Amino acid sequence: MNEPLPEVLRARIHDGGPRLEGAGFTLEVFDSSERAEKKSFGVYVEKNGRGFYLTVWNSGEVQVSTIDYEVDPSPCEKYLSDVRADWLGAEFEKLVDWVTGSGSQG
């Protein structure tokens, strides 16, 4: 099944968001307007001065921006096209690990 990336990320946030917020993470979600030609869904996750924006489009594109406010207030950005849903789930977990300081930056 090749579910659109916005739906995959939305489900991941729906399932794991309360756990993250309970652990002290800031979590904000962003949805494209219904009129947008390319539908997107994004999330910002932050804790203790580290954070990431993860934006996905129904076209299979992904934008990842990581930021460590204590090291450099400028985000480190990565753009990918033709991303698969299984990669997205693994990347989200790697980013959460990085925010907590237990993983390396993607």
PDB file of N, CA and C in Angstrom:
ATOM      1  N   MET A   1       0.847  -1.191   0.000  1.00  0.00           N
ATOM      2  CA  MET A   1       0.000   0.000   0.000  1.00  0.00           C
ATOM      3  C   MET A   1       0.881   1.240   0.000  1.00  0.00           C
ATOM      4  N   ASN A   2       0.581   2.164  -0.861  1.00  0.00           N
ATOM      5  CA  ASN A   2       1.392   3.369  -0.980  1.00  0.00           C
ATOM      6  C   ASN A   2       0.568   4.572  -0.533  1.00  0.00           C
ATOM      7  N   GLU A   3       0.392   4.717   0.760  1.00  0.00           N
ATOM      8  CA  GLU A   3      -0.418   5.785   1.333  1.00  0.00           C
ATOM      9  C   GLU A   3       0.296   7.127   1.168  1.00  0.00           C
ATOM     10  N   PRO A   4      -0.443   8.210   0.904  1.00  0.00           N
ATOM     11  CA  PRO A   4       0.187   9.521   0.777  1.00  0.00           C
ATOM     12  C   PRO A   4       0.943   9.887   2.069  1.00  0.00           C
ATOM     13  N   LEU A   5       2.124  10.465   1.909  1.00  0.00           N
ATOM     14  CA  LEU A   5       2.971  10.797   3.063  1.00  0.00           C
ATOM     15  C   LEU A   5       2.278  11.676   4.101  1.00  0.00           C
ATOM     16  N   PRO A   6       1.470  12.688   3.698  1.00  0.00           N
ATOM     17  CA  PRO A   6       0.801  13.470   4.741  1.00  0.00           C
ATOM     18  C   PRO A   6      -0.056  12.611   5.660  1.00  0.00           C
ATOM     19  N   GLU A   7      -0.722  11.601   5.107  1.00  0.00           N
ATOM     20  CA  GLU A   7      -1.566  10.727   5.930  1.00  0.00           C
ATOM     21  C   GLU A   7      -0.722   9.832   6.836  1.00  0.00           C
ATOM     22  N   VAL A   8       0.411   9.380   6.333  1.00  0.00           N
ATOM     23  CA  VAL A   8       1.314   8.544   7.130  1.00  0.00           C
ATOM     24  C   VAL A   8       1.835   9.342   8.329  1.00  0.00           C
ATOM     25  N   LEU A   9       2.297  10.569   8.087  1.00  0.00           N
ATOM     26  CA  LEU A   9       2.821  11.394   9.176  1.00  0.00           C
ATOM     27  C   LEU A   9       1.711  11.789  10.145  1.00  0.00           C
ATOM     28  N   ARG A  10       0.545  12.130   9.617  1.00  0.00           N
ATOM     29  CA  ARG A  10      -0.589  12.500  10.470  1.00  0.00           C
ATOM     30  C   ARG A  10      -0.922  11.345  11.423  1.00  0.00           C
ATOM     31  N   ALA A  11      -0.944  10.103  10.916  1.00  0.00           N
ATOM     32  CA  ALA A  11      -1.231   8.935  11.753  1.00  0.00           C
ATOM     33  C   ALA A  11      -0.145   8.739  12.804  1.00  0.00           C
ATOM     34  N   ARG A  12       1.109   8.947  12.424  1.00  0.00           N
ATOM     35  CA  ARG A  12       2.221   8.789  13.373  1.00  0.00           C
ATOM     36  C   ARG A  12       2.095   9.798  14.504  1.00  0.00           C
ATOM     37  N   ILE A  13       1.743  11.034  14.186  1.00  0.00           N
ATOM     38  CA  ILE A  13       1.585  12.074  15.213  1.00  0.00           C
ATOM     39  C   ILE A  13       0.371  11.769  16.081  1.00  0.00           C
ATOM     40  N   HIS A  14      -0.695  11.300  15.455  1.00  0.00           N
ATOM     41  CA  HIS A  14      -1.895  10.959  16.213  1.00  0.00           C
ATOM     42  C   HIS A  14      -1.591   9.852  17.230  1.00  0.00           C
ATOM     43  N   ASP A  15      -0.816   8.853  16.800  1.00  0.00           N
ATOM     44  CA  ASP A  15      -0.491   7.727  17.672  1.00  0.00           C
ATOM     45  C   ASP A  15       0.565   8.073  18.723  1.00  0.00           C
ATOM     46  N   GLY A  16       1.605   8.802  18.326  1.00  0.00           N
ATOM     47  CA  GLY A  16       2.730   9.047  19.231  1.00  0.00           C
ATOM     48  C   GLY A  16       2.784  10.420  19.869  1.00  0.00           C
ATOM     49  N   GLY A  17       1.963  11.350  19.374  1.00  0.00           N
ATOM     50  CA  GLY A  17       1.996  12.721  19.884  1.00  0.00           C
ATOM     51  C   GLY A  17       1.752  12.845  21.374  1.00  0.00           C
ATOM     52  N   PRO A  18       0.708  12.204  21.907  1.00  0.00           N
ATOM     53  CA  PRO A  18       0.465  12.312  23.346  1.00  0.00           C
ATOM     54  C   PRO A  18       1.647  11.819  24.193  1.00  0.00           C
ATOM     55  N   ARG A  19       2.316  10.761  23.731  1.00  0.00           N
ATOM     56  CA  ARG A  19       3.500  10.254  24.447  1.00  0.00           C
ATOM     57  C   ARG A  19       4.613  11.301  24.442  1.00  0.00           C
ATOM     58  N   LEU A  20       4.833  11.925  23.293  1.00  0.00           N
ATOM     59  CA  LEU A  20       5.876  12.951  23.191  1.00  0.00           C
ATOM     60  C   LEU A  20       5.545  14.153  24.074  1.00  0.00           C
ATOM     61  N   GLU A  21       4.305  14.615  24.003  1.00  0.00           N
ATOM     62  CA  GLU A  21       3.913  15.766  24.825  1.00  0.00           C
ATOM     63  C   GLU A  21       4.018  15.419  26.309  1.00  0.00           C
ATOM     64  N   GLY A  22       3.669  14.206  26.681  1.00  0.00           N
ATOM     65  CA  GLY A  22       3.787  13.767  28.064  1.00  0.00           C
ATOM     66  C   GLY A  22       5.229  13.709  28.536  1.00  0.00           C
ATOM     67  N   ALA A  23       6.157  13.543  27.594  1.00  0.00           N
ATOM     68  CA  ALA A  23       7.582  13.496  27.918  1.00  0.00           C
ATOM     69  C   ALA A  23       8.220  14.888  27.869  1.00  0.00           C
ATOM     70  N   GLY A  24       7.399  15.931  27.708  1.00  0.00           N
ATOM     71  CA  GLY A  24       7.912  17.293  27.744  1.00  0.00           C
ATOM     72  C   GLY A  24       8.277  17.909  26.407  1.00  0.00           C
ATOM     73  N   PHE A  25       7.922  17.266  25.305  1.00  0.00           N
ATOM     74  CA  PHE A  25       8.205  17.814  23.982  1.00  0.00           C
ATOM     75  C   PHE A  25       7.160  18.866  23.624  1.00  0.00           C
ATOM     76  N   THR A  26       7.582  19.885  22.887  1.00  0.00           N
ATOM     77  CA  THR A  26       6.658  20.804  22.235  1.00  0.00           C
ATOM     78  C   THR A  26       6.322  20.169  20.893  1.00  0.00           C
ATOM     79  N   LEU A  27       5.051  20.171  20.546  1.00  0.00           N
ATOM     80  CA  LEU A  27       4.605  19.536  19.314  1.00  0.00           C
ATOM     81  C   LEU A  27       3.573  20.440  18.664  1.00  0.00           C
ATOM     82  N   GLU A  28       3.856  20.861  17.428  1.00  0.00           N
ATOM     83  CA  GLU A  28       2.918  21.689  16.672  1.00  0.00           C
ATOM     84  C   GLU A  28       2.736  21.058  15.300  1.00  0.00           C
ATOM     85  N   VAL A  29       1.508  21.073  14.791  1.00  0.00           N
ATOM     86  CA  VAL A  29       1.249  20.513  13.470  1.00  0.00           C
ATOM     87  C   VAL A  29       0.745  21.604  12.524  1.00  0.00           C
ATOM     88  N   PHE A  30       1.013  21.397  11.248  1.00  0.00           N
ATOM     89  CA  PHE A  30       0.663  22.359  10.209  1.00  0.00           C
ATOM     90  C   PHE A  30       0.040  21.600   9.050  1.00  0.00           C
ATOM     91  N   ASP A  31      -1.091  22.081   8.580  1.00  0.00           N
ATOM     92  CA  ASP A  31      -1.807  21.464   7.469  1.00  0.00           C
ATOM     93  C   ASP A  31      -1.926  22.466   6.328  1.00  0.00           C
ATOM     94  N   SER A  32      -1.742  22.000   5.087  1.00  0.00           N
ATOM     95  CA  SER A  32      -1.946  22.894   3.952  1.00  0.00           C
ATOM     96  C   SER A  32      -3.426  23.210   3.823  1.00  0.00           C
ATOM     97  N   SER A  33      -3.726  24.283   3.144  1.00  0.00           N
ATOM     98  CA  SER A  33      -5.133  24.624   2.934  1.00  0.00           C
ATOM     99  C   SER A  33      -5.755  23.614   1.975  1.00  0.00           C
ATOM    100  N   GLU A  34      -7.038  23.483   2.064  1.00  0.00           N
ATOM    101  CA  GLU A  34      -7.747  22.546   1.191  1.00  0.00           C
ATOM    102  C   GLU A  34      -7.589  22.926  -0.285  1.00  0.00           C
ATOM    103  N   ARG A  35      -7.316  24.184  -0.542  1.00  0.00           N
ATOM    104  CA  ARG A  35      -7.194  24.644  -1.929  1.00  0.00           C
ATOM    105  C   ARG A  35      -5.787  24.453  -2.486  1.00  0.00           C
ATOM    106  N   ALA A  36      -4.847  24.069  -1.652  1.00  0.00           N
ATOM    107  CA  ALA A  36      -3.467  23.911  -2.120  1.00  0.00           C
ATOM    108  C   ALA A  36      -3.394  22.817  -3.182  1.00  0.00           C
ATOM    109  N   GLU A  37      -2.616  23.093  -4.222  1.00  0.00           N
ATOM    110  CA  GLU A  37      -2.478  22.111  -5.301  1.00  0.00           C
ATOM    111  C   GLU A  37      -1.754  20.864  -4.803  1.00  0.00           C
ATOM    112  N   LYS A  38      -0.669  21.076  -4.063  1.00  0.00           N
ATOM    113  CA  LYS A  38       0.058  19.963  -3.458  1.00  0.00           C
ATOM    114  C   LYS A  38      -0.267  19.969  -1.968  1.00  0.00           C
ATOM    115  N   LYS A  39      -0.945  18.927  -1.500  1.00  0.00           N
ATOM    116  CA  LYS A  39      -1.305  18.828  -0.088  1.00  0.00           C
ATOM    117  C   LYS A  39      -0.059  18.533   0.736  1.00  0.00           C
ATOM    118  N   SER A  40       0.046  19.195   1.885  1.00  0.00           N
ATOM    119  CA  SER A  40       1.181  18.944   2.762  1.00  0.00           C
ATOM    120  C   SER A  40       0.714  18.866   4.208  1.00  0.00           C
ATOM    121  N   PHE A  41       1.561  18.254   5.005  1.00  0.00           N
ATOM    122  CA  PHE A  41       1.345  18.167   6.437  1.00  0.00           C
ATOM    123  C   PHE A  41       2.711  18.277   7.073  1.00  0.00           C
ATOM    124  N   GLY A  42       2.808  19.052   8.130  1.00  0.00           N
ATOM    125  CA  GLY A  42       4.089  19.230   8.775  1.00  0.00           C
ATOM    126  C   GLY A  42       3.969  19.190  10.276  1.00  0.00           C
ATOM    127  N   VAL A  43       5.097  18.938  10.907  1.00  0.00           N
ATOM    128  CA  VAL A  43       5.147  18.897  12.363  1.00  0.00           C
ATOM    129  C   VAL A  43       6.447  19.559  12.822  1.00  0.00           C
ATOM    130  N   TYR A  44       6.346  20.266  13.934  1.00  0.00           N
ATOM    131  CA  TYR A  44       7.525  20.814  14.601  1.00  0.00           C
ATOM    132  C   TYR A  44       7.601  20.136  15.958  1.00  0.00           C
ATOM    133  N   VAL A  45       8.753  19.577  16.275  1.00  0.00           N
ATOM    134  CA  VAL A  45       8.986  18.902  17.546  1.00  0.00           C
ATOM    135  C   VAL A  45      10.223  19.522  18.172  1.00  0.00           C
ATOM    136  N   GLU A  46      10.122  19.892  19.458  1.00  0.00           N
ATOM    137  CA  GLU A  46      11.251  20.547  20.122  1.00  0.00           C
ATOM    138  C   GLU A  46      11.286  20.166  21.590  1.00  0.00           C
ATOM    139  N   LYS A  47      12.505  20.069  22.113  1.00  0.00           N
ATOM    140  CA  LYS A  47      12.701  19.844  23.540  1.00  0.00           C
ATOM    141  C   LYS A  47      14.114  20.278  23.897  1.00  0.00           C
ATOM    142  N   ASN A  48      14.232  21.029  24.971  1.00  0.00           N
ATOM    143  CA  ASN A  48      15.536  21.443  25.504  1.00  0.00           C
ATOM    144  C   ASN A  48      16.457  22.076  24.458  1.00  0.00           C
ATOM    145  N   GLY A  49      15.906  22.948  23.619  1.00  0.00           N
ATOM    146  CA  GLY A  49      16.736  23.695  22.683  1.00  0.00           C
ATOM    147  C   GLY A  49      17.085  22.993  21.390  1.00  0.00           C
ATOM    148  N   ARG A  50      16.585  21.805  21.191  1.00  0.00           N
ATOM    149  CA  ARG A  50      16.775  21.097  19.918  1.00  0.00           C
ATOM    150  C   ARG A  50      15.415  20.834  19.313  1.00  0.00           C
ATOM    151  N   GLY A  51      15.314  20.941  17.996  1.00  0.00           N
ATOM    152  CA  GLY A  51      14.036  20.694  17.363  1.00  0.00           C
ATOM    153  C   GLY A  51      14.161  20.348  15.900  1.00  0.00           C
ATOM    154  N   PHE A  52      13.033  19.966  15.328  1.00  0.00           N
ATOM    155  CA  PHE A  52      12.992  19.709  13.887  1.00  0.00           C
ATOM    156  C   PHE A  52      11.617  20.030  13.333  1.00  0.00           C
ATOM    157  N   TYR A  53      11.629  20.459  12.086  1.00  0.00           N
ATOM    158  CA  TYR A  53      10.426  20.583  11.270  1.00  0.00           C
ATOM    159  C   TYR A  53      10.489  19.445  10.265  1.00  0.00           C
ATOM    160  N   LEU A  54       9.382  18.763  10.095  1.00  0.00           N
ATOM    161  CA  LEU A  54       9.283  17.714   9.097  1.00  0.00           C
ATOM    162  C   LEU A  54       8.020  18.008   8.298  1.00  0.00           C
ATOM    163  N   THR A  55       8.198  18.313   7.021  1.00  0.00           N
ATOM    164  CA  THR A  55       7.076  18.629   6.146  1.00  0.00           C
ATOM    165  C   THR A  55       7.039  17.601   5.032  1.00  0.00           C
ATOM    166  N   VAL A  56       5.858  17.055   4.770  1.00  0.00           N
ATOM    167  CA  VAL A  56       5.690  16.063   3.714  1.00  0.00           C
ATOM    168  C   VAL A  56       4.564  16.492   2.788  1.00  0.00           C
ATOM    169  N   TRP A  57       4.711  16.166   1.516  1.00  0.00           N
ATOM    170  CA  TRP A  57       3.714  16.494   0.511  1.00  0.00           C
ATOM    171  C   TRP A  57       3.146  15.212  -0.084  1.00  0.00           C
ATOM    172  N   ASN A  58       1.932  15.296  -0.610  1.00  0.00           N
ATOM    173  CA  ASN A  58       1.323  14.118  -1.238  1.00  0.00           C
ATOM    174  C   ASN A  58       2.051  13.718  -2.515  1.00  0.00           C
ATOM    175  N   SER A  59       2.977  14.534  -2.968  1.00  0.00           N
ATOM    176  CA  SER A  59       3.779  14.229  -4.155  1.00  0.00           C
ATOM    177  C   SER A  59       4.959  13.318  -3.815  1.00  0.00           C
ATOM    178  N   GLY A  60       5.154  13.000  -2.519  1.00  0.00           N
ATOM    179  CA  GLY A  60       6.285  12.157  -2.122  1.00  0.00           C
ATOM    180  C   GLY A  60       7.510  12.947  -1.714  1.00  0.00           C
ATOM    181  N   GLU A  61       7.401  14.267  -1.676  1.00  0.00           N
ATOM    182  CA  GLU A  61       8.527  15.114  -1.292  1.00  0.00           C
ATOM    183  C   GLU A  61       8.554  15.304   0.225  1.00  0.00           C
ATOM    184  N   VAL A  62       9.759  15.493   0.751  1.00  0.00           N
ATOM    185  CA  VAL A  62       9.950  15.700   2.182  1.00  0.00           C
ATOM    186  C   VAL A  62      10.986  16.798   2.392  1.00  0.00           C
ATOM    187  N   GLN A  63      10.707  17.668   3.343  1.00  0.00           N
ATOM    188  CA  GLN A  63      11.658  18.695   3.782  1.00  0.00           C
ATOM    189  C   GLN A  63      11.910  18.455   5.271  1.00  0.00           C
ATOM    190  N   VAL A  64      13.176  18.271   5.633  1.00  0.00           N
ATOM    191  CA  VAL A  64      13.569  18.080   7.033  1.00  0.00           C
ATOM    192  C   VAL A  64      14.468  19.245   7.422  1.00  0.00           C
ATOM    193  N   SER A  65      14.114  19.925   8.498  1.00  0.00           N
ATOM    194  CA  SER A  65      14.941  21.015   9.022  1.00  0.00           C
ATOM    195  C   SER A  65      15.211  20.721  10.487  1.00  0.00           C
ATOM    196  N   THR A  66      16.491  20.595  10.832  1.00  0.00           N
ATOM    197  CA  THR A  66      16.858  20.372  12.228  1.00  0.00           C
ATOM    198  C   THR A  66      17.545  21.618  12.755  1.00  0.00           C
ATOM    199  N   ILE A  67      17.362  21.866  14.046  1.00  0.00           N
ATOM    200  CA  ILE A  67      17.968  23.049  14.643  1.00  0.00           C
ATOM    201  C   ILE A  67      18.367  22.747  16.082  1.00  0.00           C
ATOM    202  N   ASP A  68      19.580  23.165  16.413  1.00  0.00           N
ATOM    203  CA  ASP A  68      20.087  23.072  17.785  1.00  0.00           C
ATOM    204  C   ASP A  68      20.409  24.499  18.189  1.00  0.00           C
ATOM    205  N   TYR A  69      19.497  25.127  18.925  1.00  0.00           N
ATOM    206  CA  TYR A  69      19.604  26.552  19.232  1.00  0.00           C
ATOM    207  C   TYR A  69      20.863  26.897  20.002  1.00  0.00           C
ATOM    208  N   GLU A  70      21.436  25.956  20.747  1.00  0.00           N
ATOM    209  CA  GLU A  70      22.645  26.245  21.513  1.00  0.00           C
ATOM    210  C   GLU A  70      23.907  26.165  20.659  1.00  0.00           C
ATOM    211  N   VAL A  71      23.843  25.477  19.535  1.00  0.00           N
ATOM    212  CA  VAL A  71      25.004  25.315  18.660  1.00  0.00           C
ATOM    213  C   VAL A  71      24.960  26.319  17.515  1.00  0.00           C
ATOM    214  N   ASP A  72      23.813  26.403  16.824  1.00  0.00           N
ATOM    215  CA  ASP A  72      23.667  27.286  15.669  1.00  0.00           C
ATOM    216  C   ASP A  72      22.172  27.546  15.464  1.00  0.00           C
ATOM    217  N   PRO A  73      21.757  28.814  15.538  1.00  0.00           N
ATOM    218  CA  PRO A  73      20.328  29.109  15.389  1.00  0.00           C
ATOM    219  C   PRO A  73      19.815  28.973  13.956  1.00  0.00           C
ATOM    220  N   SER A  74      20.701  28.649  13.025  1.00  0.00           N
ATOM    221  CA  SER A  74      20.271  28.430  11.641  1.00  0.00           C
ATOM    222  C   SER A  74      19.947  26.948  11.452  1.00  0.00           C
ATOM    223  N   PRO A  75      18.832  26.650  10.807  1.00  0.00           N
ATOM    224  CA  PRO A  75      18.484  25.238  10.616  1.00  0.00           C
ATOM    225  C   PRO A  75      19.373  24.554   9.587  1.00  0.00           C
ATOM    226  N   CYS A  76      19.548  23.274   9.760  1.00  0.00           N
ATOM    227  CA  CYS A  76      20.208  22.412   8.776  1.00  0.00           C
ATOM    228  C   CYS A  76      19.080  21.752   8.001  1.00  0.00           C
ATOM    229  N   GLU A  77      19.035  21.951   6.693  1.00  0.00           N
ATOM    230  CA  GLU A  77      17.893  21.499   5.912  1.00  0.00           C
ATOM    231  C   GLU A  77      18.264  20.416   4.916  1.00  0.00           C
ATOM    232  N   LYS A  78      17.301  19.538   4.696  1.00  0.00           N
ATOM    233  CA  LYS A  78      17.474  18.440   3.749  1.00  0.00           C
ATOM    234  C   LYS A  78      16.167  18.299   2.983  1.00  0.00           C
ATOM    235  N   TYR A  79      16.259  18.214   1.670  1.00  0.00           N
ATOM    236  CA  TYR A  79      15.078  18.038   0.814  1.00  0.00           C
ATOM    237  C   TYR A  79      15.229  16.711   0.080  1.00  0.00           C
ATOM    238  N   LEU A  80      14.161  15.929   0.079  1.00  0.00           N
ATOM    239  CA  LEU A  80      14.173  14.641  -0.606  1.00  0.00           C
ATOM    240  C   LEU A  80      12.926  14.516  -1.468  1.00  0.00           C
ATOM    241  N   SER A  81      13.055  13.834  -2.584  1.00  0.00           N
ATOM    242  CA  SER A  81      11.882  13.573  -3.413  1.00  0.00           C
ATOM    243  C   SER A  81      11.674  12.068  -3.499  1.00  0.00           C
ATOM    244  N   ASP A  82      10.471  11.672  -3.836  1.00  0.00           N
ATOM    245  CA  ASP A  82      10.119  10.270  -4.030  1.00  0.00           C
ATOM    246  C   ASP A  82      10.417   9.416  -2.788  1.00  0.00           C
ATOM    247  N   VAL A  83       9.939   9.873  -1.644  1.00  0.00           N
ATOM    248  CA  VAL A  83      10.160   9.192  -0.375  1.00  0.00           C
ATOM    249  C   VAL A  83       9.072   8.148  -0.146  1.00  0.00           C
ATOM    250  N   ARG A  84       9.459   7.036   0.433  1.00  0.00           N
ATOM    251  CA  ARG A  84       8.505   5.968   0.745  1.00  0.00           C
ATOM    252  C   ARG A  84       8.046   6.080   2.195  1.00  0.00           C
ATOM    253  N   ALA A  85       6.857   5.574   2.467  1.00  0.00           N
ATOM    254  CA  ALA A  85       6.261   5.668   3.798  1.00  0.00           C
ATOM    255  C   ALA A  85       7.102   4.983   4.870  1.00  0.00           C
ATOM    256  N   ASP A  86       7.717   3.839   4.565  1.00  0.00           N
ATOM    257  CA  ASP A  86       8.512   3.147   5.581  1.00  0.00           C
ATOM    258  C   ASP A  86       9.731   3.975   5.981  1.00  0.00           C
ATOM    259  N   TRP A  87      10.330   4.696   5.033  1.00  0.00           N
ATOM    260  CA  TRP A  87      11.450   5.574   5.356  1.00  0.00           C
ATOM    261  C   TRP A  87      10.993   6.688   6.283  1.00  0.00           C
ATOM    262  N   LEU A  88       9.814   7.230   6.032  1.00  0.00           N
ATOM    263  CA  LEU A  88       9.303   8.349   6.812  1.00  0.00           C
ATOM    264  C   LEU A  88       9.174   7.983   8.289  1.00  0.00           C
ATOM    265  N   GLY A  89       8.633   6.826   8.578  1.00  0.00           N
ATOM    266  CA  GLY A  89       8.493   6.393   9.962  1.00  0.00           C
ATOM    267  C   GLY A  89       9.840   6.265  10.662  1.00  0.00           C
ATOM    268  N   ALA A  90      10.793   5.653   9.991  1.00  0.00           N
ATOM    269  CA  ALA A  90      12.128   5.490  10.565  1.00  0.00           C
ATOM    270  C   ALA A  90      12.807   6.841  10.759  1.00  0.00           C
ATOM    271  N   GLU A  91      12.658   7.735   9.808  1.00  0.00           N
ATOM    272  CA  GLU A  91      13.270   9.068   9.910  1.00  0.00           C
ATOM    273  C   GLU A  91      12.671   9.851  11.070  1.00  0.00           C
ATOM    274  N   PHE A  92      11.364   9.762  11.261  1.00  0.00           N
ATOM    275  CA  PHE A  92      10.718  10.460  12.363  1.00  0.00           C
ATOM    276  C   PHE A  92      11.308   9.986  13.697  1.00  0.00           C
ATOM    277  N   GLU A  93      11.465   8.689  13.854  1.00  0.00           N
ATOM    278  CA  GLU A  93      12.036   8.159  15.103  1.00  0.00           C
ATOM    279  C   GLU A  93      13.479   8.608  15.291  1.00  0.00           C
ATOM    280  N   LYS A  94      14.280   8.636  14.215  1.00  0.00           N
ATOM    281  CA  LYS A  94      15.660   9.109  14.309  1.00  0.00           C
ATOM    282  C   LYS A  94      15.696  10.569  14.739  1.00  0.00           C
ATOM    283  N   LEU A  95      14.780  11.377  14.201  1.00  0.00           N
ATOM    284  CA  LEU A  95      14.747  12.795  14.558  1.00  0.00           C
ATOM    285  C   LEU A  95      14.372  12.988  16.027  1.00  0.00           C
ATOM    286  N   VAL A  96      13.396  12.231  16.509  1.00  0.00           N
ATOM    287  CA  VAL A  96      13.018  12.314  17.921  1.00  0.00           C
ATOM    288  C   VAL A  96      14.207  11.920  18.796  1.00  0.00           C
ATOM    289  N   ASP A  97      14.916  10.862  18.420  1.00  0.00           N
ATOM    290  CA  ASP A  97      16.104  10.445  19.175  1.00  0.00           C
ATOM    291  C   ASP A  97      17.147  11.558  19.196  1.00  0.00           C
ATOM    292  N   TRP A  98      17.337  12.221  18.050  1.00  0.00           N
ATOM    293  CA  TRP A  98      18.321  13.308  17.985  1.00  0.00           C
ATOM    294  C   TRP A  98      17.916  14.461  18.920  1.00  0.00           C
ATOM    295  N   VAL A  99      16.648  14.811  18.936  1.00  0.00           N
ATOM    296  CA  VAL A  99      16.171  15.893  19.805  1.00  0.00           C
ATOM    297  C   VAL A  99      16.465  15.561  21.265  1.00  0.00           C
ATOM    298  N   THR A 100      16.310  14.308  21.644  1.00  0.00           N
ATOM    299  CA  THR A 100      16.555  13.924  23.033  1.00  0.00           C
ATOM    300  C   THR A 100      18.036  13.770  23.334  1.00  0.00           C
ATOM    301  N   GLY A 101      18.877  13.845  22.308  1.00  0.00           N
ATOM    302  CA  GLY A 101      20.308  13.740  22.514  1.00  0.00           C
ATOM    303  C   GLY A 101      20.836  12.323  22.459  1.00  0.00           C
ATOM    304  N   SER A 102      19.964  11.370  22.099  1.00  0.00           N
ATOM    305  CA  SER A 102      20.409   9.976  22.081  1.00  0.00           C
ATOM    306  C   SER A 102      20.679   9.443  20.670  1.00  0.00           C
ATOM    307  N   GLY A 103      20.590  10.295  19.679  1.00  0.00           N
ATOM    308  CA  GLY A 103      20.846   9.846  18.308  1.00  0.00           C
ATOM    309  C   GLY A 103      21.614  10.892  17.536  1.00  0.00           C
ATOM    310  N   SER A 104      22.095  10.498  16.374  1.00  0.00           N
ATOM    311  CA  SER A 104      22.825  11.450  15.525  1.00  0.00           C
ATOM    312  C   SER A 104      21.858  12.151  14.597  1.00  0.00           C
ATOM    313  N   GLN A 105      22.247  13.338  14.166  1.00  0.00           N
ATOM    314  CA  GLN A 105      21.388  14.141  13.276  1.00  0.00           C
ATOM    315  C   GLN A 105      21.321  13.485  11.918  1.00  0.00           C
ATOM    316  N   GLY A 106      20.076  13.377  11.393  1.00  0.00           N
ATOM    317  CA  GLY A 106      19.849  12.734  10.097  1.00  0.00           C
ATOM    318  C   GLY A 106      20.511  13.477   9.018  1.00  0.00           C
TER     319      GLY A 106
END
